[in-house]
Amino acid sequence: MSVFAAAQTYPTRPIKLLIPFPAGGATDIIGRALAIKLSERLGQSVVVENKPGAGGTIGTDLAAKSPPDGYTLLLATSSTHSIGPILNKSIPYNAEKDFIPVSYIASAPSVLIISPTLPVKSVAELVAYGKAKPGLPFSSSGNGTVVHLQGEYFGHLAGLSLTHIPYKGTALAIADIVSGEVGMMFDSIPSAIPHIKAGRVRALAVTSAKPSALLPDLPTVDASGLKGFSADVYFGLFAPIGTHSEIVARIQKEAIAAVNAPDLKERFAQQGVEPVGNNGEALLETMRSEGAKWRRVIELAKVKIE
């Protein structure tokens, strides 16, 4: 069958949606919800595969090297497509040259959470505590991830000397916040909310420009005294470069319709996720603007990863 004929009949078999982070994190939560709706709309199963490691690099590289036939897609984030390429010079893929941006799916703020063992109840108290105890550890889901950079930026603006402790995924990072092994971390609202509601962690502020409807009692980091701090995470659907334009157009059409479906919008809202449902051009523009923003943060906070 010719490539054109294959594009005309696509899809004829299950589609793989690669998630370059472990199960339980925001990308996984969003990806699984999206996969269900895409399966309905495309008439074929969309199977989620988690391929975590190296701050999202392993799964993203796997997607870049997959056949460009529309049967392997990637749900990527600010970490893999805007931060990793700046921070990690040896990254094995090129975020722009190896991928076709298909659809800007969603965005989500992060939330600053601390261990309940810390004797603080606000950002101001956390800053004072951090100044009294230099080297206060903060965890993240991996080196070079957006939540790593949010912690570095927080420390820079607050004038704190923080010690970054990267983990292999969100679940392990949060576990050590709960136990008191580590003091603080930034995490996406979708993965943090169950722990906040259960009282296992204490939430202090959100990273968005305005308060979250899901956590209305929390101030923003900016309103808490760290002026200029604003950092959402974007989630975008990508296909390997070389995927036929008709296949890309079909996936884009169905992804946008899926995100705009009332039940998925509602599900996202319940997780603190802002549905976007826009095209590949909007995703590329966001990818580039976020890259410029995080480049400034990396330079200001002198962030390096080994």
C-alpha atoms as a PDB file:
ATOM      1  CA  MET A   1       0.000   0.000   0.000  1.00  0.00           C
ATOM      2  CA  SER A   2       1.308   3.472  -0.880  1.00  0.00           C
ATOM      3  CA  VAL A   3       1.870   6.115   1.795  1.00  0.00           C
ATOM      4  CA  PHE A   4      -1.000   8.110   0.283  1.00  0.00           C
ATOM      5  CA  ALA A   5      -3.361   5.110   0.419  1.00  0.00           C
ATOM      6  CA  ALA A   6      -2.314   4.414   4.009  1.00  0.00           C
ATOM      7  CA  ALA A   7      -3.106   8.041   4.880  1.00  0.00           C
ATOM      8  CA  GLN A   8      -6.543   7.703   3.240  1.00  0.00           C
ATOM      9  CA  THR A   9      -7.485   4.648   5.321  1.00  0.00           C
ATOM     10  CA  TYR A  10      -5.788   5.690   8.616  1.00  0.00           C
ATOM     11  CA  PRO A  11      -6.127   4.322  11.253  1.00  0.00           C
ATOM     12  CA  THR A  12      -6.379   0.583  10.634  1.00  0.00           C
ATOM     13  CA  ARG A  13      -4.770  -0.653  13.862  1.00  0.00           C
ATOM     14  CA  PRO A  14      -4.192   0.491  17.480  1.00  0.00           C
ATOM     15  CA  ILE A  15      -2.222   3.692  18.086  1.00  0.00           C
ATOM     16  CA  LYS A  16       0.464   4.042  20.743  1.00  0.00           C
ATOM     17  CA  LEU A  17       0.528   7.232  22.861  1.00  0.00           C
ATOM     18  CA  LEU A  18       3.937   7.543  24.514  1.00  0.00           C
ATOM     19  CA  ILE A  19       4.073   9.305  27.887  1.00  0.00           C
ATOM     20  CA  PRO A  20       7.720  10.125  28.706  1.00  0.00           C
ATOM     21  CA  PHE A  21       7.047  10.187  32.477  1.00  0.00           C
ATOM     22  CA  PRO A  22       5.951   7.574  35.041  1.00  0.00           C
ATOM     23  CA  ALA A  23       2.327   6.687  35.774  1.00  0.00           C
ATOM     24  CA  GLY A  24       0.533   8.978  38.218  1.00  0.00           C
ATOM     25  CA  GLY A  25       2.016  12.298  37.146  1.00  0.00           C
ATOM     26  CA  ALA A  26       0.167  15.078  35.312  1.00  0.00           C
ATOM     27  CA  THR A  27       1.260  14.006  31.814  1.00  0.00           C
ATOM     28  CA  ASP A  28       0.032  10.480  32.501  1.00  0.00           C
ATOM     29  CA  ILE A  29      -3.300  11.675  33.925  1.00  0.00           C
ATOM     30  CA  ILE A  30      -3.928  13.984  30.946  1.00  0.00           C
ATOM     31  CA  GLY A  31      -2.689  11.393  28.432  1.00  0.00           C
ATOM     32  CA  ARG A  32      -4.982   8.638  29.695  1.00  0.00           C
ATOM     33  CA  ALA A  33      -8.033  10.907  29.594  1.00  0.00           C
ATOM     34  CA  LEU A  34      -7.105  12.047  26.075  1.00  0.00           C
ATOM     35  CA  ALA A  35      -6.485   8.469  24.891  1.00  0.00           C
ATOM     36  CA  ILE A  36     -10.027   7.412  25.827  1.00  0.00           C
ATOM     37  CA  LYS A  37     -11.592  10.236  23.790  1.00  0.00           C
ATOM     38  CA  LEU A  38      -9.224   9.750  20.832  1.00  0.00           C
ATOM     39  CA  SER A  39     -10.077   6.033  20.781  1.00  0.00           C
ATOM     40  CA  GLU A  40     -13.770   6.903  20.507  1.00  0.00           C
ATOM     41  CA  ARG A  41     -13.188   9.421  17.732  1.00  0.00           C
ATOM     42  CA  LEU A  42     -10.646   7.466  15.671  1.00  0.00           C
ATOM     43  CA  GLY A  43     -12.373   4.106  15.957  1.00  0.00           C
ATOM     44  CA  GLN A  44      -9.159   2.396  17.074  1.00  0.00           C
ATOM     45  CA  SER A  45      -7.646   1.800  20.504  1.00  0.00           C
ATOM     46  CA  VAL A  46      -5.193   4.464  21.653  1.00  0.00           C
ATOM     47  CA  VAL A  47      -2.897   2.663  24.069  1.00  0.00           C
ATOM     48  CA  VAL A  48      -0.882   4.641  26.616  1.00  0.00           C
ATOM     49  CA  GLU A  49       2.715   3.515  27.148  1.00  0.00           C
ATOM     50  CA  ASN A  50       4.796   5.105  29.898  1.00  0.00           C
ATOM     51  CA  LYS A  51       8.467   5.384  28.936  1.00  0.00           C
ATOM     52  CA  PRO A  52      10.005   7.412  31.784  1.00  0.00           C
ATOM     53  CA  GLY A  53      13.590   8.356  32.536  1.00  0.00           C
ATOM     54  CA  ALA A  54      16.097  11.196  32.336  1.00  0.00           C
ATOM     55  CA  GLY A  55      13.535  13.964  32.869  1.00  0.00           C
ATOM     56  CA  GLY A  56      11.405  12.785  29.946  1.00  0.00           C
ATOM     57  CA  THR A  57      14.323  12.399  27.528  1.00  0.00           C
ATOM     58  CA  ILE A  58      14.131   8.615  27.094  1.00  0.00           C
ATOM     59  CA  GLY A  59      10.478   8.441  26.040  1.00  0.00           C
ATOM     60  CA  THR A  60      10.737  11.562  23.897  1.00  0.00           C
ATOM     61  CA  ASP A  61      13.748  10.169  22.035  1.00  0.00           C
ATOM     62  CA  LEU A  62      11.918   6.880  21.523  1.00  0.00           C
ATOM     63  CA  ALA A  63       9.033   8.799  19.920  1.00  0.00           C
ATOM     64  CA  ALA A  64      11.444  10.773  17.711  1.00  0.00           C
ATOM     65  CA  LYS A  65      12.917   7.532  16.372  1.00  0.00           C
ATOM     66  CA  SER A  66       9.548   5.791  15.826  1.00  0.00           C
ATOM     67  CA  PRO A  67       8.181   5.139  12.311  1.00  0.00           C
ATOM     68  CA  PRO A  68       6.403   8.275  11.020  1.00  0.00           C
ATOM     69  CA  ASP A  69       3.189   6.430  10.213  1.00  0.00           C
ATOM     70  CA  GLY A  70       0.744   7.942  12.713  1.00  0.00           C
ATOM     71  CA  TYR A  71       0.759   4.879  14.943  1.00  0.00           C
ATOM     72  CA  THR A  72       3.155   6.347  17.539  1.00  0.00           C
ATOM     73  CA  LEU A  73       2.306   9.714  19.074  1.00  0.00           C
ATOM     74  CA  LEU A  74       3.889  11.593  21.963  1.00  0.00           C
ATOM     75  CA  LEU A  75       2.295  13.673  24.706  1.00  0.00           C
ATOM     76  CA  ALA A  76       5.112  16.063  25.575  1.00  0.00           C
ATOM     77  CA  THR A  77       5.504  18.998  27.943  1.00  0.00           C
ATOM     78  CA  SER A  78       7.468  22.138  28.708  1.00  0.00           C
ATOM     79  CA  SER A  79      10.089  19.830  30.251  1.00  0.00           C
ATOM     80  CA  THR A  80      10.796  17.812  27.105  1.00  0.00           C
ATOM     81  CA  HIS A  81      10.347  20.462  24.420  1.00  0.00           C
ATOM     82  CA  SER A  82      11.247  23.836  25.951  1.00  0.00           C
ATOM     83  CA  ILE A  83      13.570  23.207  28.904  1.00  0.00           C
ATOM     84  CA  GLY A  84      15.440  19.962  28.196  1.00  0.00           C
ATOM     85  CA  PRO A  85      16.895  21.154  24.873  1.00  0.00           C
ATOM     86  CA  ILE A  86      18.328  24.273  26.587  1.00  0.00           C
ATOM     87  CA  LEU A  87      19.555  22.670  29.783  1.00  0.00           C
ATOM     88  CA  ASN A  88      20.853  19.379  28.423  1.00  0.00           C
ATOM     89  CA  LYS A  89      23.322  19.904  25.577  1.00  0.00           C
ATOM     90  CA  SER A  90      23.646  16.156  24.975  1.00  0.00           C
ATOM     91  CA  ILE A  91      19.905  15.586  24.506  1.00  0.00           C
ATOM     92  CA  PRO A  92      19.522  12.977  21.733  1.00  0.00           C
ATOM     93  CA  TYR A  93      16.603  14.581  19.881  1.00  0.00           C
ATOM     94  CA  ASN A  94      15.851  17.979  18.334  1.00  0.00           C
ATOM     95  CA  ALA A  95      12.526  19.278  19.660  1.00  0.00           C
ATOM     96  CA  GLU A  96      11.731  21.174  16.457  1.00  0.00           C
ATOM     97  CA  LYS A  97      13.391  19.116  13.725  1.00  0.00           C
ATOM     98  CA  ASP A  98      12.378  15.638  14.914  1.00  0.00           C
ATOM     99  CA  PHE A  99       8.692  16.304  15.599  1.00  0.00           C
ATOM    100  CA  ILE A 100       5.546  17.702  14.007  1.00  0.00           C
ATOM    101  CA  PRO A 101       3.476  19.667  16.536  1.00  0.00           C
ATOM    102  CA  VAL A 102      -0.064  18.301  16.158  1.00  0.00           C
ATOM    103  CA  SER A 103      -2.200  19.931  18.851  1.00  0.00           C
ATOM    104  CA  TYR A 104      -1.835  22.104  21.944  1.00  0.00           C
ATOM    105  CA  ILE A 105      -3.858  19.949  24.347  1.00  0.00           C
ATOM    106  CA  ALA A 106      -3.822  21.660  27.745  1.00  0.00           C
ATOM    107  CA  SER A 107      -1.946  23.708  30.299  1.00  0.00           C
ATOM    108  CA  ALA A 108      -1.749  23.426  34.065  1.00  0.00           C
ATOM    109  CA  PRO A 109      -0.278  25.467  36.887  1.00  0.00           C
ATOM    110  CA  SER A 110       1.904  23.876  39.515  1.00  0.00           C
ATOM    111  CA  VAL A 111       1.474  24.169  43.249  1.00  0.00           C
ATOM    112  CA  LEU A 112       4.131  24.724  45.896  1.00  0.00           C
ATOM    113  CA  ILE A 113       3.768  21.957  48.469  1.00  0.00           C
ATOM    114  CA  ILE A 114       5.718  21.350  51.657  1.00  0.00           C
ATOM    115  CA  SER A 115       6.053  18.588  54.188  1.00  0.00           C
ATOM    116  CA  PRO A 116       3.570  18.893  57.066  1.00  0.00           C
ATOM    117  CA  THR A 117       6.610  18.486  59.342  1.00  0.00           C
ATOM    118  CA  LEU A 118       7.839  21.996  58.377  1.00  0.00           C
ATOM    119  CA  PRO A 119       6.739  24.665  60.867  1.00  0.00           C
ATOM    120  CA  VAL A 120       5.497  27.088  58.176  1.00  0.00           C
ATOM    121  CA  LYS A 121       2.060  28.050  56.832  1.00  0.00           C
ATOM    122  CA  SER A 122       2.850  30.585  54.087  1.00  0.00           C
ATOM    123  CA  VAL A 123       5.383  31.452  51.390  1.00  0.00           C
ATOM    124  CA  ALA A 124       6.758  34.275  53.569  1.00  0.00           C
ATOM    125  CA  GLU A 125       7.276  31.862  56.460  1.00  0.00           C
ATOM    126  CA  LEU A 126       8.900  29.325  54.111  1.00  0.00           C
ATOM    127  CA  VAL A 127      11.331  31.970  52.845  1.00  0.00           C
ATOM    128  CA  ALA A 128      12.210  32.976  56.416  1.00  0.00           C
ATOM    129  CA  TYR A 129      12.671  29.311  57.349  1.00  0.00           C
ATOM    130  CA  GLY A 130      14.850  28.697  54.283  1.00  0.00           C
ATOM    131  CA  LYS A 131      17.069  31.667  55.122  1.00  0.00           C
ATOM    132  CA  ALA A 132      17.529  30.333  58.651  1.00  0.00           C
ATOM    133  CA  LYS A 133      18.383  26.876  57.277  1.00  0.00           C
ATOM    134  CA  PRO A 134      20.549  27.272  54.134  1.00  0.00           C
ATOM    135  CA  GLY A 135      20.540  24.260  51.830  1.00  0.00           C
ATOM    136  CA  LEU A 136      16.863  23.437  52.421  1.00  0.00           C
ATOM    137  CA  PRO A 137      16.221  20.441  50.133  1.00  0.00           C
ATOM    138  CA  PHE A 138      13.551  20.531  47.439  1.00  0.00           C
ATOM    139  CA  SER A 139      12.540  17.570  45.308  1.00  0.00           C
ATOM    140  CA  SER A 140      11.411  17.259  41.693  1.00  0.00           C
ATOM    141  CA  SER A 141      10.322  14.551  39.274  1.00  0.00           C
ATOM    142  CA  GLY A 142      13.701  14.747  37.533  1.00  0.00           C
ATOM    143  CA  ASN A 143      16.619  16.910  36.435  1.00  0.00           C
ATOM    144  CA  GLY A 144      15.633  19.482  33.839  1.00  0.00           C
ATOM    145  CA  THR A 145      11.884  19.115  34.345  1.00  0.00           C
ATOM    146  CA  VAL A 146       9.692  22.189  34.621  1.00  0.00           C
ATOM    147  CA  VAL A 147       9.079  21.556  38.337  1.00  0.00           C
ATOM    148  CA  HIS A 148      12.858  21.449  38.864  1.00  0.00           C
ATOM    149  CA  LEU A 149      13.155  24.849  37.169  1.00  0.00           C
ATOM    150  CA  GLN A 150      10.232  26.254  39.167  1.00  0.00           C
ATOM    151  CA  GLY A 151      12.095  25.351  42.359  1.00  0.00           C
ATOM    152  CA  GLU A 152      15.318  26.935  41.117  1.00  0.00           C
ATOM    153  CA  TYR A 153      13.467  30.089  40.072  1.00  0.00           C
ATOM    154  CA  PHE A 154      11.707  30.269  43.443  1.00  0.00           C
ATOM    155  CA  GLY A 155      15.047  29.998  45.246  1.00  0.00           C
ATOM    156  CA  HIS A 156      16.564  32.694  43.023  1.00  0.00           C
ATOM    157  CA  LEU A 157      13.729  35.192  43.537  1.00  0.00           C
ATOM    158  CA  ALA A 158      13.531  34.475  47.278  1.00  0.00           C
ATOM    159  CA  GLY A 159      17.296  34.721  47.769  1.00  0.00           C
ATOM    160  CA  LEU A 160      17.472  31.178  49.126  1.00  0.00           C
ATOM    161  CA  SER A 161      20.190  28.570  48.865  1.00  0.00           C
ATOM    162  CA  LEU A 162      18.218  25.398  48.049  1.00  0.00           C
ATOM    163  CA  THR A 163      19.489  21.875  47.415  1.00  0.00           C
ATOM    164  CA  HIS A 164      17.835  20.103  44.505  1.00  0.00           C
ATOM    165  CA  ILE A 165      17.085  16.384  44.906  1.00  0.00           C
ATOM    166  CA  PRO A 166      15.836  14.839  41.636  1.00  0.00           C
ATOM    167  CA  TYR A 167      13.707  11.697  41.696  1.00  0.00           C
ATOM    168  CA  LYS A 168      12.614   9.239  39.019  1.00  0.00           C
ATOM    169  CA  GLY A 169       9.069  10.519  38.784  1.00  0.00           C
ATOM    170  CA  THR A 170       6.538  12.458  40.824  1.00  0.00           C
ATOM    171  CA  ALA A 171       5.306   9.628  43.050  1.00  0.00           C
ATOM    172  CA  LEU A 172       8.719   9.057  44.636  1.00  0.00           C
ATOM    173  CA  ALA A 173       9.351  12.799  45.028  1.00  0.00           C
ATOM    174  CA  ILE A 174       6.020  13.331  46.815  1.00  0.00           C
ATOM    175  CA  ALA A 175       6.559  10.289  49.041  1.00  0.00           C
ATOM    176  CA  ASP A 176       9.619  11.938  50.598  1.00  0.00           C
ATOM    177  CA  ILE A 177       7.707  15.209  51.072  1.00  0.00           C
ATOM    178  CA  VAL A 178       5.007  13.278  52.940  1.00  0.00           C
ATOM    179  CA  SER A 179       7.586  11.540  55.144  1.00  0.00           C
ATOM    180  CA  GLY A 180       9.453  14.772  55.891  1.00  0.00           C
ATOM    181  CA  GLU A 181      12.645  13.523  54.242  1.00  0.00           C
ATOM    182  CA  VAL A 182      12.492  16.561  51.920  1.00  0.00           C
ATOM    183  CA  GLY A 183      11.001  19.944  52.767  1.00  0.00           C
ATOM    184  CA  MET A 184       9.355  21.281  49.610  1.00  0.00           C
ATOM    185  CA  MET A 185       8.637  20.819  45.925  1.00  0.00           C
ATOM    186  CA  PHE A 186       6.626  22.195  43.051  1.00  0.00           C
ATOM    187  CA  ASP A 187       4.219  19.726  41.497  1.00  0.00           C
ATOM    188  CA  SER A 188       1.467  19.927  38.907  1.00  0.00           C
ATOM    189  CA  ILE A 189      -1.988  20.323  40.417  1.00  0.00           C
ATOM    190  CA  PRO A 190      -3.366  17.081  38.877  1.00  0.00           C
ATOM    191  CA  SER A 191      -0.845  14.874  40.657  1.00  0.00           C
ATOM    192  CA  ALA A 192      -0.645  16.954  43.871  1.00  0.00           C
ATOM    193  CA  ILE A 193      -4.361  17.430  44.543  1.00  0.00           C
ATOM    194  CA  PRO A 194      -5.075  13.979  46.073  1.00  0.00           C
ATOM    195  CA  HIS A 195      -2.211  14.455  48.557  1.00  0.00           C
ATOM    196  CA  ILE A 196      -3.327  18.009  49.401  1.00  0.00           C
ATOM    197  CA  LYS A 197      -6.937  16.934  49.994  1.00  0.00           C
ATOM    198  CA  ALA A 198      -5.818  13.981  52.132  1.00  0.00           C
ATOM    199  CA  GLY A 199      -3.649  16.278  54.271  1.00  0.00           C
ATOM    200  CA  ARG A 200      -0.467  14.384  53.450  1.00  0.00           C
ATOM    201  CA  VAL A 201       1.191  17.592  52.203  1.00  0.00           C
ATOM    202  CA  ARG A 202       0.578  21.292  52.841  1.00  0.00           C
ATOM    203  CA  ALA A 203      -0.054  23.577  49.864  1.00  0.00           C
ATOM    204  CA  LEU A 204       1.192  27.170  50.028  1.00  0.00           C
ATOM    205  CA  ALA A 205       0.711  28.808  46.617  1.00  0.00           C
ATOM    206  CA  VAL A 206       0.054  28.218  42.913  1.00  0.00           C
ATOM    207  CA  THR A 207       2.418  29.163  40.085  1.00  0.00           C
ATOM    208  CA  SER A 208      -0.220  30.639  37.746  1.00  0.00           C
ATOM    209  CA  ALA A 209      -0.879  34.339  37.209  1.00  0.00           C
ATOM    210  CA  LYS A 210      -4.278  33.987  38.914  1.00  0.00           C
ATOM    211  CA  PRO A 211      -5.582  31.630  41.634  1.00  0.00           C
ATOM    212  CA  SER A 212      -6.726  28.136  40.674  1.00  0.00           C
ATOM    213  CA  ALA A 213     -10.466  27.383  40.714  1.00  0.00           C
ATOM    214  CA  LEU A 214      -9.576  24.008  42.196  1.00  0.00           C
ATOM    215  CA  LEU A 215      -7.566  25.525  45.084  1.00  0.00           C
ATOM    216  CA  PRO A 216      -9.332  28.891  45.503  1.00  0.00           C
ATOM    217  CA  ASP A 217      -7.951  29.532  48.996  1.00  0.00           C
ATOM    218  CA  LEU A 218      -4.343  29.476  47.808  1.00  0.00           C
ATOM    219  CA  PRO A 219      -2.613  32.713  46.712  1.00  0.00           C
ATOM    220  CA  THR A 220      -0.304  32.835  43.719  1.00  0.00           C
ATOM    221  CA  VAL A 221       3.455  32.779  44.306  1.00  0.00           C
ATOM    222  CA  ASP A 222       3.546  36.270  42.773  1.00  0.00           C
ATOM    223  CA  ALA A 223       0.929  37.604  45.240  1.00  0.00           C
ATOM    224  CA  SER A 224       2.858  35.947  48.066  1.00  0.00           C
ATOM    225  CA  GLY A 225       5.768  38.348  47.565  1.00  0.00           C
ATOM    226  CA  LEU A 226       7.826  36.830  44.741  1.00  0.00           C
ATOM    227  CA  LYS A 227       6.872  39.353  42.074  1.00  0.00           C
ATOM    228  CA  GLY A 228       7.000  38.188  38.474  1.00  0.00           C
ATOM    229  CA  PHE A 229       6.781  34.487  39.273  1.00  0.00           C
ATOM    230  CA  SER A 230       4.381  32.835  36.823  1.00  0.00           C
ATOM    231  CA  ALA A 231       4.861  29.362  35.391  1.00  0.00           C
ATOM    232  CA  ASP A 232       2.289  27.029  33.862  1.00  0.00           C
ATOM    233  CA  VAL A 233       3.123  23.729  32.170  1.00  0.00           C
ATOM    234  CA  TYR A 234       1.924  23.038  28.622  1.00  0.00           C
ATOM    235  CA  PHE A 235       0.997  19.617  27.254  1.00  0.00           C
ATOM    236  CA  GLY A 236       1.234  19.043  23.504  1.00  0.00           C
ATOM    237  CA  LEU A 237       0.577  16.183  21.114  1.00  0.00           C
ATOM    238  CA  PHE A 238       3.427  15.487  18.679  1.00  0.00           C
ATOM    239  CA  ALA A 239       4.068  13.066  15.800  1.00  0.00           C
ATOM    240  CA  PRO A 240       7.474  11.992  14.456  1.00  0.00           C
ATOM    241  CA  ILE A 241       8.756  14.146  11.595  1.00  0.00           C
ATOM    242  CA  GLY A 242       7.832  12.706   8.202  1.00  0.00           C
ATOM    243  CA  THR A 243       4.296  11.682   9.219  1.00  0.00           C
ATOM    244  CA  HIS A 244       1.984  12.203   6.238  1.00  0.00           C
ATOM    245  CA  SER A 245       0.190  15.565   6.306  1.00  0.00           C
ATOM    246  CA  GLU A 246      -3.239  13.927   5.900  1.00  0.00           C
ATOM    247  CA  ILE A 247      -2.623  11.713   8.930  1.00  0.00           C
ATOM    248  CA  VAL A 248      -1.437  14.715  10.966  1.00  0.00           C
ATOM    249  CA  ALA A 249      -4.534  16.661   9.889  1.00  0.00           C
ATOM    250  CA  ARG A 250      -6.823  13.789  10.937  1.00  0.00           C
ATOM    251  CA  ILE A 251      -5.184  13.405  14.356  1.00  0.00           C
ATOM    252  CA  GLN A 252      -5.234  17.176  14.887  1.00  0.00           C
ATOM    253  CA  LYS A 253      -8.933  17.399  14.011  1.00  0.00           C
ATOM    254  CA  GLU A 254      -9.880  14.565  16.372  1.00  0.00           C
ATOM    255  CA  ALA A 255      -7.587  15.768  19.194  1.00  0.00           C
ATOM    256  CA  ILE A 256      -9.097  19.265  19.105  1.00  0.00           C
ATOM    257  CA  ALA A 257     -12.625  17.812  19.064  1.00  0.00           C
ATOM    258  CA  ALA A 258     -11.721  15.470  21.948  1.00  0.00           C
ATOM    259  CA  VAL A 259     -10.366  18.279  24.137  1.00  0.00           C
ATOM    260  CA  ASN A 260     -13.433  20.408  23.426  1.00  0.00           C
ATOM    261  CA  ALA A 261     -15.846  17.591  24.299  1.00  0.00           C
ATOM    262  CA  PRO A 262     -17.835  18.629  27.424  1.00  0.00           C
ATOM    263  CA  ASP A 263     -16.984  15.458  29.374  1.00  0.00           C
ATOM    264  CA  LEU A 264     -13.226  15.799  28.818  1.00  0.00           C
ATOM    265  CA  LYS A 265     -13.338  19.524  29.616  1.00  0.00           C
ATOM    266  CA  GLU A 266     -15.109  18.674  32.859  1.00  0.00           C
ATOM    267  CA  ARG A 267     -12.610  15.939  33.683  1.00  0.00           C
ATOM    268  CA  PHE A 268      -9.695  18.293  33.060  1.00  0.00           C
ATOM    269  CA  ALA A 269     -11.314  21.016  35.199  1.00  0.00           C
ATOM    270  CA  GLN A 270     -11.667  18.558  38.081  1.00  0.00           C
ATOM    271  CA  GLN A 271      -7.906  17.952  37.859  1.00  0.00           C
ATOM    272  CA  GLY A 272      -6.963  21.650  37.745  1.00  0.00           C
ATOM    273  CA  VAL A 273      -6.072  21.384  34.056  1.00  0.00           C
ATOM    274  CA  GLU A 274      -6.958  24.126  31.566  1.00  0.00           C
ATOM    275  CA  PRO A 275      -8.147  22.536  28.283  1.00  0.00           C
ATOM    276  CA  VAL A 276      -6.741  24.348  25.238  1.00  0.00           C
ATOM    277  CA  GLY A 277      -7.546  22.246  22.160  1.00  0.00           C
ATOM    278  CA  ASN A 278      -5.632  24.295  19.617  1.00  0.00           C
ATOM    279  CA  ASN A 279      -3.651  23.499  16.468  1.00  0.00           C
ATOM    280  CA  GLY A 280       0.008  22.669  15.856  1.00  0.00           C
ATOM    281  CA  GLU A 281       0.943  26.269  15.048  1.00  0.00           C
ATOM    282  CA  ALA A 282      -0.268  27.381  18.493  1.00  0.00           C
ATOM    283  CA  LEU A 283       1.717  24.551  20.087  1.00  0.00           C
ATOM    284  CA  LEU A 284       4.913  25.527  18.232  1.00  0.00           C
ATOM    285  CA  GLU A 285       4.487  29.177  19.227  1.00  0.00           C
ATOM    286  CA  THR A 286       4.022  28.199  22.891  1.00  0.00           C
ATOM    287  CA  MET A 287       6.986  25.850  22.731  1.00  0.00           C
ATOM    288  CA  ARG A 288       9.226  28.663  21.495  1.00  0.00           C
ATOM    289  CA  SER A 289       7.938  31.343  23.903  1.00  0.00           C
ATOM    290  CA  GLU A 290       8.295  28.986  26.879  1.00  0.00           C
ATOM    291  CA  GLY A 291      11.811  28.125  25.728  1.00  0.00           C
ATOM    292  CA  ALA A 292      12.741  31.818  25.738  1.00  0.00           C
ATOM    293  CA  LYS A 293      11.266  32.282  29.226  1.00  0.00           C
ATOM    294  CA  TRP A 294      13.008  29.278  30.742  1.00  0.00           C
ATOM    295  CA  ARG A 295      16.295  30.187  29.083  1.00  0.00           C
ATOM    296  CA  ARG A 296      16.220  33.450  31.084  1.00  0.00           C
ATOM    297  CA  VAL A 297      15.450  31.529  34.284  1.00  0.00           C
ATOM    298  CA  ILE A 298      18.287  29.070  33.633  1.00  0.00           C
ATOM    299  CA  GLU A 299      20.704  31.963  33.121  1.00  0.00           C
ATOM    300  CA  LEU A 300      19.446  33.970  36.120  1.00  0.00           C
ATOM    301  CA  ALA A 301      19.498  31.055  38.531  1.00  0.00           C
ATOM    302  CA  LYS A 302      22.698  29.618  36.977  1.00  0.00           C
ATOM    303  CA  VAL A 303      21.089  26.199  36.657  1.00  0.00           C
ATOM    304  CA  LYS A 304      23.262  23.347  35.421  1.00  0.00           C
ATOM    305  CA  ILE A 305      22.687  19.615  35.278  1.00  0.00           C
ATOM    306  CA  GLU A 306      25.493  17.096  35.236  1.00  0.00           C
END
